[in-house]
N, C-alpha and C. Protein backbone atom coordinates (compact mmCIF):
# COMPACT_ATOMS: atom_id res chain seq x y z
N MET A 1 243.73 6.87 128.62
CA MET A 1 245.04 7.32 128.16
C MET A 1 246.01 6.15 128.18
N ARG A 2 246.94 6.17 127.27
CA ARG A 2 247.95 5.13 127.25
C ARG A 2 249.32 5.78 127.12
N ALA A 3 250.32 5.12 127.60
CA ALA A 3 251.68 5.64 127.51
C ALA A 3 252.56 4.61 126.82
N GLN A 4 253.57 5.11 126.13
CA GLN A 4 254.56 4.26 125.50
C GLN A 4 255.93 4.72 125.98
N ASN A 5 256.87 3.80 125.93
CA ASN A 5 258.23 4.20 126.28
C ASN A 5 258.80 5.08 125.19
N GLY A 6 259.52 6.13 125.59
CA GLY A 6 260.14 7.03 124.64
C GLY A 6 261.63 7.11 124.89
N ASP A 7 262.29 7.78 124.03
CA ASP A 7 263.72 8.03 124.15
C ASP A 7 264.00 9.09 125.18
N GLN A 8 265.23 9.15 125.66
CA GLN A 8 265.67 10.26 126.50
C GLN A 8 265.68 11.54 125.69
N SER A 9 266.13 11.48 124.44
CA SER A 9 266.19 12.69 123.62
C SER A 9 265.04 12.68 122.63
N PHE A 10 264.56 13.85 122.31
CA PHE A 10 263.45 14.01 121.39
C PHE A 10 263.68 15.26 120.57
N ALA A 11 263.45 15.17 119.27
CA ALA A 11 263.52 16.36 118.41
C ALA A 11 262.47 16.23 117.32
N HIS A 12 261.71 17.29 117.16
CA HIS A 12 260.70 17.37 116.11
C HIS A 12 261.33 18.08 114.92
N ARG A 13 261.21 17.49 113.73
CA ARG A 13 261.73 18.11 112.51
C ARG A 13 260.65 18.98 111.89
N CYS A 14 261.03 20.16 111.46
CA CYS A 14 260.11 21.02 110.72
C CYS A 14 260.90 21.86 109.73
N ARG A 15 260.20 22.45 108.81
CA ARG A 15 260.81 23.23 107.74
C ARG A 15 260.34 24.68 107.87
N VAL A 16 261.20 25.62 107.55
CA VAL A 16 260.83 27.04 107.53
C VAL A 16 260.17 27.34 106.20
N TYR A 17 258.93 27.78 106.26
CA TYR A 17 258.17 28.15 105.06
C TYR A 17 258.13 29.66 104.92
N TYR A 18 257.73 30.09 103.75
CA TYR A 18 257.65 31.51 103.44
C TYR A 18 256.83 32.25 104.49
N GLU A 19 255.72 31.66 104.90
CA GLU A 19 254.83 32.29 105.89
C GLU A 19 255.49 32.50 107.25
N ASP A 20 256.59 31.81 107.52
CA ASP A 20 257.30 31.92 108.81
C ASP A 20 258.30 33.07 108.81
N THR A 21 258.54 33.68 107.64
CA THR A 21 259.63 34.64 107.51
C THR A 21 259.15 36.07 107.31
N ASP A 22 260.09 36.99 107.49
CA ASP A 22 259.83 38.40 107.18
C ASP A 22 260.25 38.66 105.74
N ALA A 23 260.23 39.90 105.33
CA ALA A 23 260.56 40.25 103.94
C ALA A 23 261.98 39.86 103.56
N GLY A 24 262.87 39.74 104.54
CA GLY A 24 264.25 39.36 104.26
C GLY A 24 264.49 37.87 104.24
N GLY A 25 263.44 37.06 104.41
CA GLY A 25 263.60 35.61 104.39
C GLY A 25 264.10 35.03 105.70
N ILE A 26 264.04 35.82 106.79
CA ILE A 26 264.49 35.38 108.12
C ILE A 26 263.26 35.09 108.97
N VAL A 27 263.32 34.02 109.76
CA VAL A 27 262.18 33.65 110.60
C VAL A 27 261.85 34.78 111.56
N TYR A 28 260.57 35.17 111.57
CA TYR A 28 260.06 36.18 112.49
C TYR A 28 260.12 35.59 113.90
N TYR A 29 260.58 36.37 114.86
CA TYR A 29 260.93 35.85 116.18
C TYR A 29 259.82 35.06 116.86
N VAL A 30 258.58 35.49 116.74
CA VAL A 30 257.49 34.81 117.45
C VAL A 30 257.23 33.41 116.88
N ASN A 31 257.65 33.16 115.65
CA ASN A 31 257.41 31.85 115.06
C ASN A 31 258.25 30.75 115.72
N TYR A 32 259.34 31.10 116.38
CA TYR A 32 260.09 30.10 117.14
C TYR A 32 259.20 29.52 118.24
N LEU A 33 258.34 30.37 118.84
CA LEU A 33 257.43 29.90 119.88
C LEU A 33 256.45 28.88 119.29
N LYS A 34 256.01 29.12 118.06
CA LYS A 34 255.12 28.16 117.40
C LYS A 34 255.84 26.84 117.13
N PHE A 35 257.08 26.92 116.68
CA PHE A 35 257.85 25.69 116.44
C PHE A 35 257.98 24.89 117.73
N MET A 36 258.23 25.58 118.85
CA MET A 36 258.39 24.90 120.13
C MET A 36 257.07 24.33 120.63
N GLU A 37 255.97 25.03 120.40
CA GLU A 37 254.65 24.50 120.75
C GLU A 37 254.39 23.19 120.01
N ARG A 38 254.70 23.17 118.73
CA ARG A 38 254.50 21.96 117.94
C ARG A 38 255.36 20.81 118.47
N ALA A 39 256.58 21.10 118.88
CA ALA A 39 257.45 20.06 119.41
C ALA A 39 256.89 19.49 120.72
N ARG A 40 256.33 20.35 121.58
CA ARG A 40 255.71 19.85 122.82
C ARG A 40 254.53 18.94 122.50
N THR A 41 253.73 19.33 121.52
CA THR A 41 252.58 18.52 121.10
C THR A 41 253.05 17.17 120.54
N GLU A 42 254.09 17.20 119.73
CA GLU A 42 254.61 15.95 119.15
C GLU A 42 255.28 15.07 120.21
N ARG A 43 255.85 15.69 121.23
CA ARG A 43 256.42 14.92 122.34
C ARG A 43 255.32 14.14 123.04
N LEU A 44 254.20 14.81 123.31
CA LEU A 44 253.05 14.13 123.91
C LEU A 44 252.59 12.97 123.02
N ARG A 45 252.47 13.26 121.73
CA ARG A 45 252.02 12.24 120.78
C ARG A 45 252.97 11.04 120.77
N GLU A 46 254.28 11.29 120.80
CA GLU A 46 255.26 10.20 120.81
C GLU A 46 255.11 9.33 122.06
N LEU A 47 254.70 9.93 123.15
CA LEU A 47 254.49 9.18 124.39
C LEU A 47 253.14 8.46 124.42
N GLY A 48 252.33 8.68 123.37
CA GLY A 48 251.05 7.98 123.28
C GLY A 48 249.86 8.80 123.73
N PHE A 49 250.00 10.11 123.83
CA PHE A 49 248.92 10.98 124.30
C PHE A 49 248.62 12.05 123.25
N ALA A 50 247.46 11.96 122.62
CA ALA A 50 247.03 12.99 121.68
C ALA A 50 246.30 14.08 122.44
N GLN A 51 246.56 15.34 122.10
CA GLN A 51 245.89 16.44 122.80
C GLN A 51 244.38 16.39 122.62
N SER A 52 243.90 15.93 121.47
CA SER A 52 242.46 15.81 121.27
C SER A 52 241.86 14.79 122.24
N GLN A 53 242.58 13.72 122.50
CA GLN A 53 242.13 12.71 123.46
C GLN A 53 242.14 13.28 124.87
N LEU A 54 243.19 14.00 125.23
CA LEU A 54 243.29 14.57 126.57
C LEU A 54 242.17 15.57 126.82
N ALA A 55 241.82 16.38 125.81
CA ALA A 55 240.73 17.35 125.96
C ALA A 55 239.43 16.64 126.26
N GLY A 56 239.22 15.47 125.66
CA GLY A 56 238.03 14.68 125.92
C GLY A 56 238.01 14.10 127.32
N GLU A 57 239.15 14.10 127.98
CA GLU A 57 239.27 13.61 129.35
C GLU A 57 239.40 14.76 130.34
N ASP A 58 238.91 15.93 129.94
CA ASP A 58 238.88 17.12 130.79
C ASP A 58 240.28 17.59 131.17
N LEU A 59 241.20 17.59 130.20
CA LEU A 59 242.58 17.97 130.46
C LEU A 59 243.13 18.78 129.30
N LEU A 60 243.66 19.93 129.61
CA LEU A 60 244.37 20.77 128.64
C LEU A 60 245.70 21.18 129.24
N PHE A 61 246.65 21.45 128.39
CA PHE A 61 247.90 22.07 128.83
C PHE A 61 247.93 23.48 128.28
N VAL A 62 248.18 24.44 129.15
CA VAL A 62 248.26 25.84 128.74
C VAL A 62 249.60 26.42 129.20
N VAL A 63 250.15 27.31 128.40
CA VAL A 63 251.42 27.93 128.77
C VAL A 63 251.16 28.97 129.85
N HIS A 64 251.84 28.81 130.96
CA HIS A 64 251.76 29.75 132.07
C HIS A 64 252.78 30.86 131.90
N SER A 65 254.00 30.50 131.51
CA SER A 65 255.04 31.49 131.29
C SER A 65 256.07 30.93 130.30
N SER A 66 256.75 31.86 129.63
CA SER A 66 257.75 31.45 128.65
C SER A 66 258.94 32.40 128.70
N GLU A 67 260.06 31.86 128.28
CA GLU A 67 261.30 32.63 128.20
C GLU A 67 262.04 32.13 126.97
N ALA A 68 262.53 33.05 126.14
CA ALA A 68 263.25 32.65 124.93
C ALA A 68 264.48 33.52 124.74
N ARG A 69 265.53 32.90 124.23
CA ARG A 69 266.76 33.60 123.85
C ARG A 69 267.07 33.25 122.41
N TYR A 70 267.38 34.27 121.64
CA TYR A 70 267.64 34.10 120.22
C TYR A 70 269.14 34.23 119.97
N HIS A 71 269.70 33.25 119.25
CA HIS A 71 271.15 33.21 119.04
C HIS A 71 271.56 33.47 117.59
N ALA A 72 270.82 32.92 116.66
CA ALA A 72 271.14 33.06 115.23
C ALA A 72 269.84 32.91 114.45
N PRO A 73 269.79 33.48 113.26
CA PRO A 73 268.54 33.42 112.50
C PRO A 73 268.37 32.12 111.71
N ALA A 74 267.12 31.66 111.64
CA ALA A 74 266.76 30.61 110.69
C ALA A 74 266.24 31.31 109.45
N ARG A 75 266.40 30.65 108.32
CA ARG A 75 266.04 31.27 107.04
C ARG A 75 265.08 30.37 106.26
N LEU A 76 264.46 30.96 105.27
CA LEU A 76 263.54 30.26 104.40
C LEU A 76 264.16 28.95 103.92
N ASP A 77 263.40 27.88 104.02
CA ASP A 77 263.75 26.52 103.59
C ASP A 77 264.69 25.77 104.53
N ASP A 78 265.16 26.40 105.61
CA ASP A 78 265.96 25.65 106.58
C ASP A 78 265.13 24.52 107.17
N GLU A 79 265.78 23.39 107.42
CA GLU A 79 265.15 22.32 108.19
C GLU A 79 265.61 22.49 109.63
N LEU A 80 264.66 22.42 110.56
CA LEU A 80 264.95 22.65 111.97
C LEU A 80 264.72 21.39 112.79
N LEU A 81 265.48 21.27 113.86
CA LEU A 81 265.27 20.24 114.87
C LEU A 81 264.88 20.97 116.15
N VAL A 82 263.71 20.65 116.68
CA VAL A 82 263.19 21.35 117.85
C VAL A 82 263.02 20.34 118.98
N SER A 83 263.79 20.53 120.05
CA SER A 83 263.74 19.61 121.18
C SER A 83 262.64 20.03 122.16
N ALA A 84 262.23 19.08 122.99
CA ALA A 84 261.24 19.34 124.04
C ALA A 84 261.53 18.39 125.20
N GLU A 85 262.26 18.89 126.19
CA GLU A 85 262.69 18.08 127.32
C GLU A 85 262.02 18.58 128.59
N VAL A 86 261.37 17.69 129.32
CA VAL A 86 260.79 18.05 130.61
C VAL A 86 261.90 18.08 131.64
N ILE A 87 262.09 19.24 132.27
CA ILE A 87 263.14 19.36 133.29
C ILE A 87 262.57 19.50 134.70
N GLU A 88 261.27 19.70 134.79
CA GLU A 88 260.62 19.80 136.10
C GLU A 88 259.21 19.26 135.96
N LEU A 89 258.84 18.38 136.86
CA LEU A 89 257.54 17.74 136.83
C LEU A 89 256.88 17.94 138.18
N ASN A 90 255.80 18.72 138.19
CA ASN A 90 255.08 19.01 139.42
C ASN A 90 253.69 18.37 139.38
N ARG A 91 252.94 18.56 140.43
CA ARG A 91 251.60 17.97 140.52
C ARG A 91 250.70 18.42 139.38
N ALA A 92 250.74 19.71 139.04
CA ALA A 92 249.83 20.25 138.02
C ALA A 92 250.57 21.05 136.94
N SER A 93 251.88 20.85 136.83
CA SER A 93 252.61 21.60 135.80
C SER A 93 253.87 20.86 135.38
N LEU A 94 254.37 21.27 134.21
CA LEU A 94 255.61 20.75 133.64
C LEU A 94 256.45 21.94 133.22
N ARG A 95 257.75 21.84 133.37
CA ARG A 95 258.65 22.85 132.82
C ARG A 95 259.46 22.18 131.72
N PHE A 96 259.36 22.76 130.52
CA PHE A 96 260.10 22.25 129.36
C PHE A 96 261.30 23.14 129.10
N LYS A 97 262.41 22.51 128.75
CA LYS A 97 263.57 23.20 128.19
C LYS A 97 263.55 22.83 126.71
N GLN A 98 263.65 23.85 125.85
CA GLN A 98 263.58 23.59 124.42
C GLN A 98 264.67 24.32 123.66
N GLN A 99 265.09 23.70 122.57
CA GLN A 99 266.07 24.31 121.68
C GLN A 99 265.62 24.13 120.24
N VAL A 100 265.93 25.13 119.43
CA VAL A 100 265.71 25.05 117.99
C VAL A 100 267.09 25.10 117.35
N ARG A 101 267.41 24.07 116.58
CA ARG A 101 268.71 23.98 115.90
C ARG A 101 268.50 23.79 114.40
N ARG A 102 269.42 24.31 113.63
CA ARG A 102 269.42 24.07 112.19
C ARG A 102 269.88 22.63 111.98
N ALA A 103 269.15 21.86 111.21
CA ALA A 103 269.44 20.44 111.05
C ALA A 103 270.76 20.20 110.33
N THR A 104 271.13 21.04 109.38
CA THR A 104 272.32 20.78 108.58
C THR A 104 273.62 20.91 109.35
N ASP A 105 273.67 21.81 110.33
CA ASP A 105 274.92 22.03 111.05
C ASP A 105 274.78 22.08 112.57
N ALA A 106 273.58 21.81 113.09
CA ALA A 106 273.29 21.78 114.53
C ALA A 106 273.50 23.13 115.22
N THR A 107 273.54 24.22 114.46
CA THR A 107 273.68 25.55 115.06
C THR A 107 272.47 25.85 115.94
N LEU A 108 272.74 26.29 117.17
CA LEU A 108 271.66 26.69 118.09
C LEU A 108 271.11 28.03 117.63
N LEU A 109 269.82 28.06 117.32
CA LEU A 109 269.17 29.26 116.83
C LEU A 109 268.38 29.96 117.93
N CYS A 110 267.69 29.17 118.74
CA CYS A 110 266.84 29.72 119.79
C CYS A 110 266.72 28.68 120.89
N GLU A 111 266.61 29.14 122.13
CA GLU A 111 266.36 28.23 123.25
C GLU A 111 265.40 28.89 124.21
N GLY A 112 264.68 28.08 124.95
CA GLY A 112 263.72 28.65 125.88
C GLY A 112 263.26 27.66 126.92
N GLN A 113 262.53 28.20 127.88
CA GLN A 113 261.88 27.39 128.90
C GLN A 113 260.42 27.80 128.96
N PHE A 114 259.56 26.81 129.19
CA PHE A 114 258.12 27.03 129.22
C PHE A 114 257.53 26.30 130.41
N LEU A 115 256.81 27.04 131.24
CA LEU A 115 256.05 26.42 132.32
C LEU A 115 254.65 26.19 131.77
N VAL A 116 254.25 24.92 131.73
CA VAL A 116 252.98 24.53 131.14
C VAL A 116 252.10 23.95 132.25
N ALA A 117 250.91 24.54 132.42
CA ALA A 117 250.00 24.12 133.47
C ALA A 117 248.97 23.14 132.93
N CYS A 118 248.60 22.19 133.77
CA CYS A 118 247.54 21.24 133.46
C CYS A 118 246.25 21.81 134.04
N VAL A 119 245.23 21.98 133.19
CA VAL A 119 243.96 22.57 133.63
C VAL A 119 242.78 21.74 133.14
N ARG A 120 241.63 21.98 133.76
CA ARG A 120 240.39 21.35 133.32
C ARG A 120 239.89 22.05 132.05
N THR A 121 239.34 21.29 131.15
CA THR A 121 238.93 21.80 129.84
C THR A 121 237.92 22.94 129.94
N ASN A 122 236.87 22.77 130.70
CA ASN A 122 235.80 23.76 130.74
C ASN A 122 236.07 24.93 131.68
N SER A 123 236.59 24.66 132.86
CA SER A 123 236.77 25.72 133.86
C SER A 123 238.14 26.39 133.77
N LEU A 124 239.10 25.74 133.13
CA LEU A 124 240.50 26.20 133.07
C LEU A 124 241.13 26.31 134.45
N LYS A 125 240.60 25.59 135.41
CA LYS A 125 241.16 25.52 136.76
C LYS A 125 242.24 24.44 136.79
N PRO A 126 243.29 24.66 137.59
CA PRO A 126 244.36 23.65 137.68
C PRO A 126 243.83 22.28 138.10
N ARG A 127 244.45 21.26 137.55
CA ARG A 127 244.14 19.89 137.95
C ARG A 127 245.43 19.09 137.94
N ALA A 128 245.43 18.01 138.68
CA ALA A 128 246.61 17.15 138.75
C ALA A 128 246.85 16.48 137.40
N ILE A 129 248.11 16.33 137.06
CA ILE A 129 248.48 15.58 135.86
C ILE A 129 248.19 14.10 136.15
N PRO A 130 247.45 13.43 135.28
CA PRO A 130 247.15 12.01 135.52
C PRO A 130 248.43 11.19 135.69
N GLU A 131 248.34 10.18 136.54
CA GLU A 131 249.52 9.38 136.88
C GLU A 131 250.15 8.72 135.66
N THR A 132 249.34 8.25 134.70
CA THR A 132 249.92 7.61 133.52
C THR A 132 250.77 8.59 132.71
N LEU A 133 250.30 9.82 132.62
CA LEU A 133 251.04 10.85 131.89
C LEU A 133 252.28 11.27 132.67
N ARG A 134 252.13 11.42 133.98
CA ARG A 134 253.27 11.77 134.84
C ARG A 134 254.35 10.69 134.73
N ALA A 135 253.95 9.43 134.78
CA ALA A 135 254.91 8.32 134.71
C ALA A 135 255.62 8.30 133.37
N ALA A 136 254.89 8.59 132.28
CA ALA A 136 255.50 8.61 130.95
C ALA A 136 256.56 9.70 130.87
N PHE A 137 256.25 10.89 131.36
CA PHE A 137 257.23 11.97 131.34
C PHE A 137 258.40 11.69 132.26
N ALA A 138 258.14 11.13 133.44
CA ALA A 138 259.22 10.82 134.38
C ALA A 138 260.16 9.77 133.80
N ALA A 139 259.61 8.81 133.07
CA ALA A 139 260.43 7.74 132.51
C ALA A 139 261.41 8.24 131.47
N VAL A 140 261.04 9.25 130.70
CA VAL A 140 261.90 9.72 129.62
C VAL A 140 262.71 10.96 129.99
N SER A 141 262.39 11.58 131.12
CA SER A 141 263.06 12.84 131.41
C SER A 141 263.91 12.81 132.67
N GLY A 142 263.63 11.91 133.56
CA GLY A 142 264.34 11.95 134.84
C GLY A 142 263.88 13.13 135.69
N ALA A 143 262.73 13.71 135.35
CA ALA A 143 262.22 14.88 136.08
C ALA A 143 261.15 14.45 137.06
N GLY A 144 261.27 13.30 137.64
CA GLY A 144 260.25 12.77 138.52
C GLY A 144 260.15 13.49 139.86
N LYS A 145 261.18 14.23 140.24
CA LYS A 145 261.14 14.94 141.52
C LYS A 145 260.25 16.15 141.43
N GLN A 146 259.50 16.38 142.47
CA GLN A 146 258.64 17.56 142.49
C GLN A 146 259.46 18.77 142.93
N SER A 147 259.10 19.89 142.36
CA SER A 147 259.73 21.16 142.70
C SER A 147 259.09 21.72 143.94
N LYS A 148 259.81 22.55 144.66
CA LYS A 148 259.24 23.23 145.82
C LYS A 148 258.26 24.30 145.40
N GLN A 149 258.47 24.86 144.21
CA GLN A 149 257.54 25.88 143.71
C GLN A 149 256.54 25.20 142.81
N GLU A 150 255.29 25.31 143.14
CA GLU A 150 254.21 24.69 142.39
C GLU A 150 253.23 25.77 142.02
N ILE A 151 252.77 25.73 140.78
CA ILE A 151 251.78 26.74 140.40
C ILE A 151 250.42 26.31 140.87
């Protein structure tokens, strides 16, 4: 695994397609979770870690729990900015704070938090986050302190 220096702020750009919407052209609520998943994946990639590479090293990230709040609707053809900020870094888990904003006016559409566990590929048992990955996240997030609650 290799790590690269990243920015403090990160946002993944994506577009709302027809398949993301309901009959009224409004994004179906569960699709915000997909947008946020993609942003977490792209955050890893920006730091120099591809999920396909991590899986080959007996490491997967799985969502343990999620929380989302919806503020305003996204619509067909909107361009979105989806953030992915690590706010808690533990031995075997990360907590992300994420927001989905409309790119044209920065309106907050949805926000959430996700506890993501690091597990072994075959057994799905918890495993420690490798030090190179931990250091990369700590460098860009300031979340280097361990939480008292660990999954």
